[in-house]
Amino acid sequence: MAYRIVAERKDETVRMDRSSALVAVAKARVWASEGWKVTIIVGDENEATPADARRLSFV
């Protein structure tokens, strides 16, 4: 399973892909603590944009 992390702040956007849920959540927490709005998109790594993706947001 793939985890895409999208971090946004002002006019900046950073995207990262991780295969580990633990690493994805840890990175999201660090980015969120620095003032970024972070979304983790959970989906199948074989699809570019999973139709049934689940999202978890950190603000």
N, C-alpha and C. Protein backbone atom coordinates (compact mmCIF):
# COMPACT_ATOMS: atom_id res chain seq x y z
N MET A 1 0.84 -1.16 0.00
CA MET A 1 0.00 0.00 0.00
C MET A 1 0.89 1.23 0.00
N ALA A 2 0.47 2.29 -0.67
CA ALA A 2 1.25 3.52 -0.77
C ALA A 2 0.61 4.63 0.05
N TYR A 3 1.45 5.50 0.57
CA TYR A 3 1.00 6.63 1.35
C TYR A 3 1.62 7.88 0.75
N ARG A 4 0.79 8.77 0.23
CA ARG A 4 1.27 10.03 -0.34
C ARG A 4 1.05 11.13 0.69
N ILE A 5 2.11 11.85 1.02
CA ILE A 5 2.04 12.96 1.96
C ILE A 5 2.07 14.24 1.14
N VAL A 6 1.08 15.11 1.37
CA VAL A 6 1.02 16.40 0.71
C VAL A 6 1.04 17.46 1.80
N ALA A 7 2.08 18.29 1.81
CA ALA A 7 2.22 19.36 2.80
C ALA A 7 2.10 20.70 2.08
N GLU A 8 1.24 21.59 2.63
CA GLU A 8 1.02 22.89 2.00
C GLU A 8 1.18 24.00 3.03
N ARG A 9 1.82 25.07 2.59
CA ARG A 9 1.97 26.26 3.43
C ARG A 9 2.15 27.44 2.49
N LYS A 10 1.25 28.43 2.65
CA LYS A 10 1.24 29.62 1.78
C LYS A 10 1.23 29.19 0.33
N ASP A 11 2.26 29.50 -0.44
CA ASP A 11 2.28 29.15 -1.86
C ASP A 11 3.21 27.96 -2.15
N GLU A 12 3.57 27.22 -1.12
CA GLU A 12 4.46 26.07 -1.27
C GLU A 12 3.69 24.76 -1.11
N THR A 13 4.02 23.77 -1.93
CA THR A 13 3.45 22.44 -1.81
C THR A 13 4.56 21.42 -1.96
N VAL A 14 4.59 20.45 -1.05
CA VAL A 14 5.58 19.37 -1.09
C VAL A 14 4.83 18.05 -1.12
N ARG A 15 5.22 17.14 -2.01
CA ARG A 15 4.61 15.81 -2.10
C ARG A 15 5.68 14.75 -1.91
N MET A 16 5.34 13.75 -1.09
CA MET A 16 6.26 12.64 -0.83
C MET A 16 5.47 11.34 -0.87
N ASP A 17 6.07 10.29 -1.35
CA ASP A 17 5.46 8.97 -1.33
C ASP A 17 6.24 8.08 -0.39
N ARG A 18 5.54 7.34 0.44
CA ARG A 18 6.16 6.41 1.38
C ARG A 18 5.40 5.10 1.34
N SER A 19 6.07 4.00 1.62
CA SER A 19 5.42 2.70 1.64
C SER A 19 5.06 2.27 3.06
N SER A 20 5.56 2.97 4.06
CA SER A 20 5.31 2.63 5.46
C SER A 20 4.36 3.64 6.09
N ALA A 21 3.28 3.14 6.71
CA ALA A 21 2.33 4.02 7.39
C ALA A 21 3.01 4.73 8.56
N LEU A 22 3.86 4.03 9.27
CA LEU A 22 4.55 4.61 10.42
C LEU A 22 5.42 5.79 10.00
N VAL A 23 6.16 5.64 8.93
CA VAL A 23 7.03 6.71 8.45
C VAL A 23 6.18 7.87 7.92
N ALA A 24 5.10 7.57 7.21
CA ALA A 24 4.23 8.62 6.67
C ALA A 24 3.63 9.46 7.79
N VAL A 25 3.13 8.83 8.83
CA VAL A 25 2.53 9.57 9.94
C VAL A 25 3.59 10.36 10.70
N ALA A 26 4.75 9.77 10.91
CA ALA A 26 5.83 10.48 11.61
C ALA A 26 6.25 11.73 10.83
N LYS A 27 6.42 11.61 9.53
CA LYS A 27 6.80 12.77 8.72
C LYS A 27 5.69 13.81 8.74
N ALA A 28 4.43 13.37 8.64
CA ALA A 28 3.30 14.31 8.66
C ALA A 28 3.26 15.08 9.96
N ARG A 29 3.51 14.42 11.07
CA ARG A 29 3.49 15.09 12.38
C ARG A 29 4.59 16.14 12.48
N VAL A 30 5.76 15.85 11.94
CA VAL A 30 6.86 16.81 11.96
C VAL A 30 6.51 18.03 11.12
N TRP A 31 6.02 17.81 9.89
CA TRP A 31 5.65 18.92 9.02
C TRP A 31 4.53 19.75 9.65
N ALA A 32 3.54 19.09 10.25
CA ALA A 32 2.43 19.81 10.88
C ALA A 32 2.92 20.65 12.06
N SER A 33 3.88 20.13 12.81
CA SER A 33 4.41 20.88 13.95
C SER A 33 5.17 22.13 13.50
N GLU A 34 5.59 22.16 12.25
CA GLU A 34 6.30 23.32 11.70
C GLU A 34 5.35 24.28 10.97
N GLY A 35 4.03 24.06 11.12
CA GLY A 35 3.05 24.98 10.56
C GLY A 35 2.50 24.63 9.19
N TRP A 36 2.79 23.45 8.69
CA TRP A 36 2.29 23.03 7.40
C TRP A 36 0.93 22.36 7.57
N LYS A 37 0.06 22.49 6.57
CA LYS A 37 -1.19 21.73 6.52
C LYS A 37 -0.86 20.45 5.77
N VAL A 38 -1.01 19.31 6.42
CA VAL A 38 -0.55 18.04 5.87
C VAL A 38 -1.72 17.09 5.64
N THR A 39 -1.73 16.45 4.48
CA THR A 39 -2.73 15.43 4.15
C THR A 39 -2.00 14.16 3.76
N ILE A 40 -2.45 13.03 4.29
CA ILE A 40 -1.92 11.73 3.88
C ILE A 40 -3.00 11.05 3.05
N ILE A 41 -2.65 10.66 1.85
CA ILE A 41 -3.58 9.96 0.96
C ILE A 41 -3.15 8.50 0.92
N VAL A 42 -4.07 7.63 1.30
CA VAL A 42 -3.78 6.20 1.36
C VAL A 42 -4.42 5.54 0.15
N GLY A 43 -3.63 4.79 -0.61
CA GLY A 43 -4.18 4.13 -1.78
C GLY A 43 -3.26 3.06 -2.30
N ASP A 44 -3.68 2.45 -3.38
CA ASP A 44 -2.92 1.39 -4.04
C ASP A 44 -1.77 2.00 -4.81
N GLU A 45 -0.56 1.50 -4.62
CA GLU A 45 0.60 2.08 -5.28
C GLU A 45 0.60 1.86 -6.78
N ASN A 46 -0.27 1.01 -7.32
CA ASN A 46 -0.33 0.77 -8.75
C ASN A 46 -1.17 1.81 -9.49
N GLU A 47 -1.88 2.66 -8.77
CA GLU A 47 -2.72 3.68 -9.38
C GLU A 47 -2.10 5.05 -9.14
N ALA A 48 -2.13 5.90 -10.17
CA ALA A 48 -1.58 7.24 -10.03
C ALA A 48 -2.41 8.07 -9.06
N THR A 49 -3.73 8.07 -9.22
CA THR A 49 -4.64 8.76 -8.31
C THR A 49 -5.74 7.78 -7.94
N PRO A 50 -5.64 7.14 -6.81
CA PRO A 50 -6.63 6.12 -6.43
C PRO A 50 -8.03 6.71 -6.29
N ALA A 51 -9.00 6.08 -6.94
CA ALA A 51 -10.39 6.53 -6.86
C ALA A 51 -10.96 6.35 -5.46
N ASP A 52 -10.53 5.30 -4.78
CA ASP A 52 -11.06 5.03 -3.44
C ASP A 52 -10.06 5.40 -2.34
N ALA A 53 -9.25 6.43 -2.61
CA ALA A 53 -8.24 6.84 -1.64
C ALA A 53 -8.88 7.36 -0.36
N ARG A 54 -8.22 7.10 0.74
CA ARG A 54 -8.65 7.62 2.03
C ARG A 54 -7.69 8.72 2.41
N ARG A 55 -8.24 9.77 3.03
CA ARG A 55 -7.41 10.92 3.39
C ARG A 55 -7.40 11.14 4.89
N LEU A 56 -6.24 11.51 5.40
CA LEU A 56 -6.06 11.85 6.80
C LEU A 56 -5.34 13.19 6.81
N SER A 57 -5.90 14.19 7.49
CA SER A 57 -5.31 15.52 7.49
C SER A 57 -4.81 15.92 8.86
N PHE A 58 -3.70 16.62 8.87
CA PHE A 58 -3.12 17.21 10.06
C PHE A 58 -3.09 18.72 9.83
N VAL A 59 -3.53 19.48 10.78
CA VAL A 59 -3.48 20.93 10.61
C VAL A 59 -2.64 21.54 11.71
